[in-house]
Amino acid sequence: MLCICGGYQFLGTYYKMSDGTVIKCLNILPLHTVFKADARMIGDTKFITQFGPAQAFENHSGRTYFDDQDKLKPFGTMIEGYGNNPDDHTEGMRYKNVIGSYSHGPLLKNLNIAEGIMKLIIQNHQNRLAHSKEAVMA
């Protein structure tokens, strides 16, 4: 699953507004987002992922933080731009078959990213087929 911006934020435990209001999210992943109304993070980005380098565009006021850094891993490391927040130089999140990202625009036009995600999908499908064949043979 690839979740961009608000879809990524909503997978977390909560979204805290600038007035202190806390909005409960889906609580699927151990992360939270804090909204800063006066500090929009916008512009072109460059970052490195497990699939190689990527360029994209970000436009968000939410700052996302991992609550369990052993469970969640960054999707990438920022070279230019803000990514998750201005503090830790990370972009997005990776957990099992889920990728969250603040990279709007042409993320999947980075062919190495698109191909990397497609390879993961194929690998997961092949693993499921192998497990189902084993179950039938048992």
C-alpha atoms as a PDB file:
ATOM      1  CA  MET A   1       0.000   0.000   0.000  1.00  0.00           C
ATOM      2  CA  LEU A   2       1.337   3.441  -0.906  1.00  0.00           C
ATOM      3  CA  CYS A   3      -0.112   6.302   1.176  1.00  0.00           C
ATOM      4  CA  ILE A   4       0.673   9.912   0.365  1.00  0.00           C
ATOM      5  CA  CYS A   5       0.448  12.879   2.767  1.00  0.00           C
ATOM      6  CA  GLY A   6      -2.928  12.789   4.551  1.00  0.00           C
ATOM      7  CA  GLY A   7      -3.308   9.072   3.841  1.00  0.00           C
ATOM      8  CA  TYR A   8       0.076   8.505   5.490  1.00  0.00           C
ATOM      9  CA  GLN A   9      -0.780  10.724   8.478  1.00  0.00           C
ATOM     10  CA  PHE A  10      -4.158   9.037   9.022  1.00  0.00           C
ATOM     11  CA  LEU A  11      -2.524   5.607   9.515  1.00  0.00           C
ATOM     12  CA  GLY A  12      -1.054   6.895  12.785  1.00  0.00           C
ATOM     13  CA  THR A  13      -2.457   7.208  16.284  1.00  0.00           C
ATOM     14  CA  TYR A  14      -3.412  10.891  16.238  1.00  0.00           C
ATOM     15  CA  TYR A  15      -3.163  14.247  14.461  1.00  0.00           C
ATOM     16  CA  LYS A  16      -2.681  17.219  16.765  1.00  0.00           C
ATOM     17  CA  MET A  17      -4.012  20.565  15.509  1.00  0.00           C
ATOM     18  CA  SER A  18      -2.222  23.859  16.227  1.00  0.00           C
ATOM     19  CA  ASP A  19      -4.934  24.796  18.767  1.00  0.00           C
ATOM     20  CA  GLY A  20      -4.206  21.600  20.736  1.00  0.00           C
ATOM     21  CA  THR A  21      -7.209  19.622  19.485  1.00  0.00           C
ATOM     22  CA  VAL A  22      -6.298  15.960  19.034  1.00  0.00           C
ATOM     23  CA  ILE A  23      -7.938  14.059  16.194  1.00  0.00           C
ATOM     24  CA  LYS A  24      -7.875  10.278  16.595  1.00  0.00           C
ATOM     25  CA  CYS A  25      -6.607   8.484  13.521  1.00  0.00           C
ATOM     26  CA  LEU A  26      -6.779   4.827  12.473  1.00  0.00           C
ATOM     27  CA  ASN A  27      -4.130   3.712  15.007  1.00  0.00           C
ATOM     28  CA  ILE A  28      -2.669   1.200  12.563  1.00  0.00           C
ATOM     29  CA  LEU A  29       0.933   2.373  12.856  1.00  0.00           C
ATOM     30  CA  PRO A  30       2.880   3.862  15.784  1.00  0.00           C
ATOM     31  CA  LEU A  31       3.296   7.407  14.498  1.00  0.00           C
ATOM     32  CA  HIS A  32       1.660  10.761  15.118  1.00  0.00           C
ATOM     33  CA  THR A  33       1.456  14.090  13.329  1.00  0.00           C
ATOM     34  CA  VAL A  34       1.538  17.625  14.714  1.00  0.00           C
ATOM     35  CA  PHE A  35       0.074  20.440  12.584  1.00  0.00           C
ATOM     36  CA  LYS A  36       1.913  23.781  12.445  1.00  0.00           C
ATOM     37  CA  ALA A  37      -0.352  26.338  10.763  1.00  0.00           C
ATOM     38  CA  ASP A  38       2.365  28.967  10.413  1.00  0.00           C
ATOM     39  CA  ALA A  39       5.105  26.731   9.004  1.00  0.00           C
ATOM     40  CA  ARG A  40       4.210  25.057   5.715  1.00  0.00           C
ATOM     41  CA  MET A  41       6.851  22.744   4.241  1.00  0.00           C
ATOM     42  CA  ILE A  42       6.664  23.121   0.494  1.00  0.00           C
ATOM     43  CA  GLY A  43       9.018  22.636  -2.423  1.00  0.00           C
ATOM     44  CA  ASP A  44      11.077  20.195  -4.428  1.00  0.00           C
ATOM     45  CA  THR A  45      12.689  17.296  -2.568  1.00  0.00           C
ATOM     46  CA  LYS A  46      15.562  14.900  -3.084  1.00  0.00           C
ATOM     47  CA  PHE A  47      16.063  11.815  -0.964  1.00  0.00           C
ATOM     48  CA  ILE A  48      17.653   8.368  -0.972  1.00  0.00           C
ATOM     49  CA  THR A  49      15.559   5.195  -0.578  1.00  0.00           C
ATOM     50  CA  GLN A  50      16.315   1.473  -0.581  1.00  0.00           C
ATOM     51  CA  PHE A  51      15.399   1.626  -4.281  1.00  0.00           C
ATOM     52  CA  GLY A  52      17.855   4.456  -5.007  1.00  0.00           C
ATOM     53  CA  PRO A  53      17.576   8.250  -5.269  1.00  0.00           C
ATOM     54  CA  ALA A  54      14.259  10.039  -5.771  1.00  0.00           C
ATOM     55  CA  GLN A  55      13.015  13.516  -6.583  1.00  0.00           C
ATOM     56  CA  ALA A  56       9.519  14.735  -5.804  1.00  0.00           C
ATOM     57  CA  PHE A  57       7.489  17.633  -4.395  1.00  0.00           C
ATOM     58  CA  GLU A  58       6.172  18.144  -0.860  1.00  0.00           C
ATOM     59  CA  ASN A  59       3.419  20.449   0.395  1.00  0.00           C
ATOM     60  CA  HIS A  60       2.348  19.898   4.009  1.00  0.00           C
ATOM     61  CA  SER A  61       2.097  21.562   7.407  1.00  0.00           C
ATOM     62  CA  GLY A  62       2.001  18.331   9.381  1.00  0.00           C
ATOM     63  CA  ARG A  63       5.132  17.060  11.069  1.00  0.00           C
ATOM     64  CA  THR A  64       5.169  13.303  11.493  1.00  0.00           C
ATOM     65  CA  TYR A  65       7.116  11.476  14.207  1.00  0.00           C
ATOM     66  CA  PHE A  66       7.595   7.740  14.782  1.00  0.00           C
ATOM     67  CA  ASP A  67       6.501   6.454  18.196  1.00  0.00           C
ATOM     68  CA  ASP A  68       8.279   3.105  17.700  1.00  0.00           C
ATOM     69  CA  GLN A  69      11.513   3.460  15.754  1.00  0.00           C
ATOM     70  CA  ASP A  70      12.213  -0.270  15.994  1.00  0.00           C
ATOM     71  CA  LYS A  71       8.971  -1.072  14.162  1.00  0.00           C
ATOM     72  CA  LEU A  72       8.879   1.735  11.587  1.00  0.00           C
ATOM     73  CA  LYS A  73      11.727   2.569   9.249  1.00  0.00           C
ATOM     74  CA  PRO A  74      12.055   5.711   7.126  1.00  0.00           C
ATOM     75  CA  PHE A  75      11.194   5.328   3.451  1.00  0.00           C
ATOM     76  CA  GLY A  76      14.132   7.607   2.697  1.00  0.00           C
ATOM     77  CA  THR A  77      16.811   9.977   3.956  1.00  0.00           C
ATOM     78  CA  MET A  78      16.429  13.611   2.919  1.00  0.00           C
ATOM     79  CA  ILE A  79      19.057  15.388   0.843  1.00  0.00           C
ATOM     80  CA  GLU A  80      16.900  18.449   0.050  1.00  0.00           C
ATOM     81  CA  GLY A  81      13.562  19.426   1.568  1.00  0.00           C
ATOM     82  CA  TYR A  82      11.893  18.604   4.874  1.00  0.00           C
ATOM     83  CA  GLY A  83      10.327  15.142   4.629  1.00  0.00           C
ATOM     84  CA  ASN A  84       8.572  13.942   7.787  1.00  0.00           C
ATOM     85  CA  ASN A  85       9.622  16.962   9.827  1.00  0.00           C
ATOM     86  CA  PRO A  86      12.442  19.524   9.939  1.00  0.00           C
ATOM     87  CA  ASP A  87      14.220  17.646  12.750  1.00  0.00           C
ATOM     88  CA  ASP A  88      15.296  14.138  11.714  1.00  0.00           C
ATOM     89  CA  HIS A  89      15.975  14.250   7.921  1.00  0.00           C
ATOM     90  CA  THR A  90      13.663  11.306   7.208  1.00  0.00           C
ATOM     91  CA  GLU A  91      11.114  10.973   4.413  1.00  0.00           C
ATOM     92  CA  GLY A  92       8.070   8.816   4.837  1.00  0.00           C
ATOM     93  CA  MET A  93       7.803   5.425   6.470  1.00  0.00           C
ATOM     94  CA  ARG A  94       8.149   1.768   5.580  1.00  0.00           C
ATOM     95  CA  TYR A  95       6.510  -1.063   7.505  1.00  0.00           C
ATOM     96  CA  LYS A  96       5.986  -4.497   5.962  1.00  0.00           C
ATOM     97  CA  ASN A  97       3.940  -3.857   2.773  1.00  0.00           C
ATOM     98  CA  VAL A  98       3.110  -0.234   3.606  1.00  0.00           C
ATOM     99  CA  ILE A  99       4.945   2.850   2.392  1.00  0.00           C
ATOM    100  CA  GLY A 100       3.912   6.293   3.600  1.00  0.00           C
ATOM    101  CA  SER A 101       5.356   9.439   2.035  1.00  0.00           C
ATOM    102  CA  TYR A 102       5.013  13.191   1.832  1.00  0.00           C
ATOM    103  CA  SER A 103       6.153  13.045  -1.794  1.00  0.00           C
ATOM    104  CA  HIS A 104       3.337  14.472  -3.870  1.00  0.00           C
ATOM    105  CA  GLY A 105       3.574  14.771  -7.580  1.00  0.00           C
ATOM    106  CA  PRO A 106       5.933  12.633  -9.573  1.00  0.00           C
ATOM    107  CA  LEU A 107       7.063  10.072  -6.954  1.00  0.00           C
ATOM    108  CA  LEU A 108       6.291   7.108  -9.204  1.00  0.00           C
ATOM    109  CA  LYS A 109       7.869   8.863 -12.192  1.00  0.00           C
ATOM    110  CA  ASN A 110      11.129   7.952 -10.459  1.00  0.00           C
ATOM    111  CA  LEU A 111      11.438   4.654 -12.328  1.00  0.00           C
ATOM    112  CA  ASN A 112      13.632   3.074  -9.658  1.00  0.00           C
ATOM    113  CA  ILE A 113      10.872   3.709  -7.079  1.00  0.00           C
ATOM    114  CA  ALA A 114       8.104   2.366  -9.342  1.00  0.00           C
ATOM    115  CA  GLU A 115      10.176  -0.690 -10.283  1.00  0.00           C
ATOM    116  CA  GLY A 116      11.187  -1.299  -6.657  1.00  0.00           C
ATOM    117  CA  ILE A 117       7.576  -1.252  -5.495  1.00  0.00           C
ATOM    118  CA  MET A 118       6.527  -3.507  -8.394  1.00  0.00           C
ATOM    119  CA  LYS A 119       9.265  -6.007  -7.474  1.00  0.00           C
ATOM    120  CA  LEU A 120       8.013  -6.058  -3.877  1.00  0.00           C
ATOM    121  CA  ILE A 121       4.465  -6.723  -5.091  1.00  0.00           C
ATOM    122  CA  ILE A 122       5.641  -9.590  -7.311  1.00  0.00           C
ATOM    123  CA  GLN A 123       7.809 -11.038  -4.531  1.00  0.00           C
ATOM    124  CA  ASN A 124       4.909 -10.908  -2.049  1.00  0.00           C
ATOM    125  CA  HIS A 125       2.593 -12.576  -4.576  1.00  0.00           C
ATOM    126  CA  GLN A 126       5.130 -15.342  -5.249  1.00  0.00           C
ATOM    127  CA  ASN A 127       5.571 -15.907  -1.502  1.00  0.00           C
ATOM    128  CA  ARG A 128       1.805 -16.241  -1.053  1.00  0.00           C
ATOM    129  CA  LEU A 129       1.583 -18.703  -3.942  1.00  0.00           C
ATOM    130  CA  ALA A 130       4.403 -20.793  -2.480  1.00  0.00           C
ATOM    131  CA  HIS A 131       2.703 -20.861   0.929  1.00  0.00           C
ATOM    132  CA  SER A 132      -0.661 -21.815  -0.566  1.00  0.00           C
ATOM    133  CA  LYS A 133       0.951 -24.647  -2.570  1.00  0.00           C
ATOM    134  CA  GLU A 134       2.625 -25.907   0.613  1.00  0.00           C
ATOM    135  CA  ALA A 135      -0.735 -25.871   2.404  1.00  0.00           C
ATOM    136  CA  VAL A 136      -2.381 -27.873  -0.391  1.00  0.00           C
ATOM    137  CA  MET A 137       0.450 -30.432  -0.407  1.00  0.00           C
ATOM    138  CA  ALA A 138       0.388 -30.901   3.390  1.00  0.00           C
END
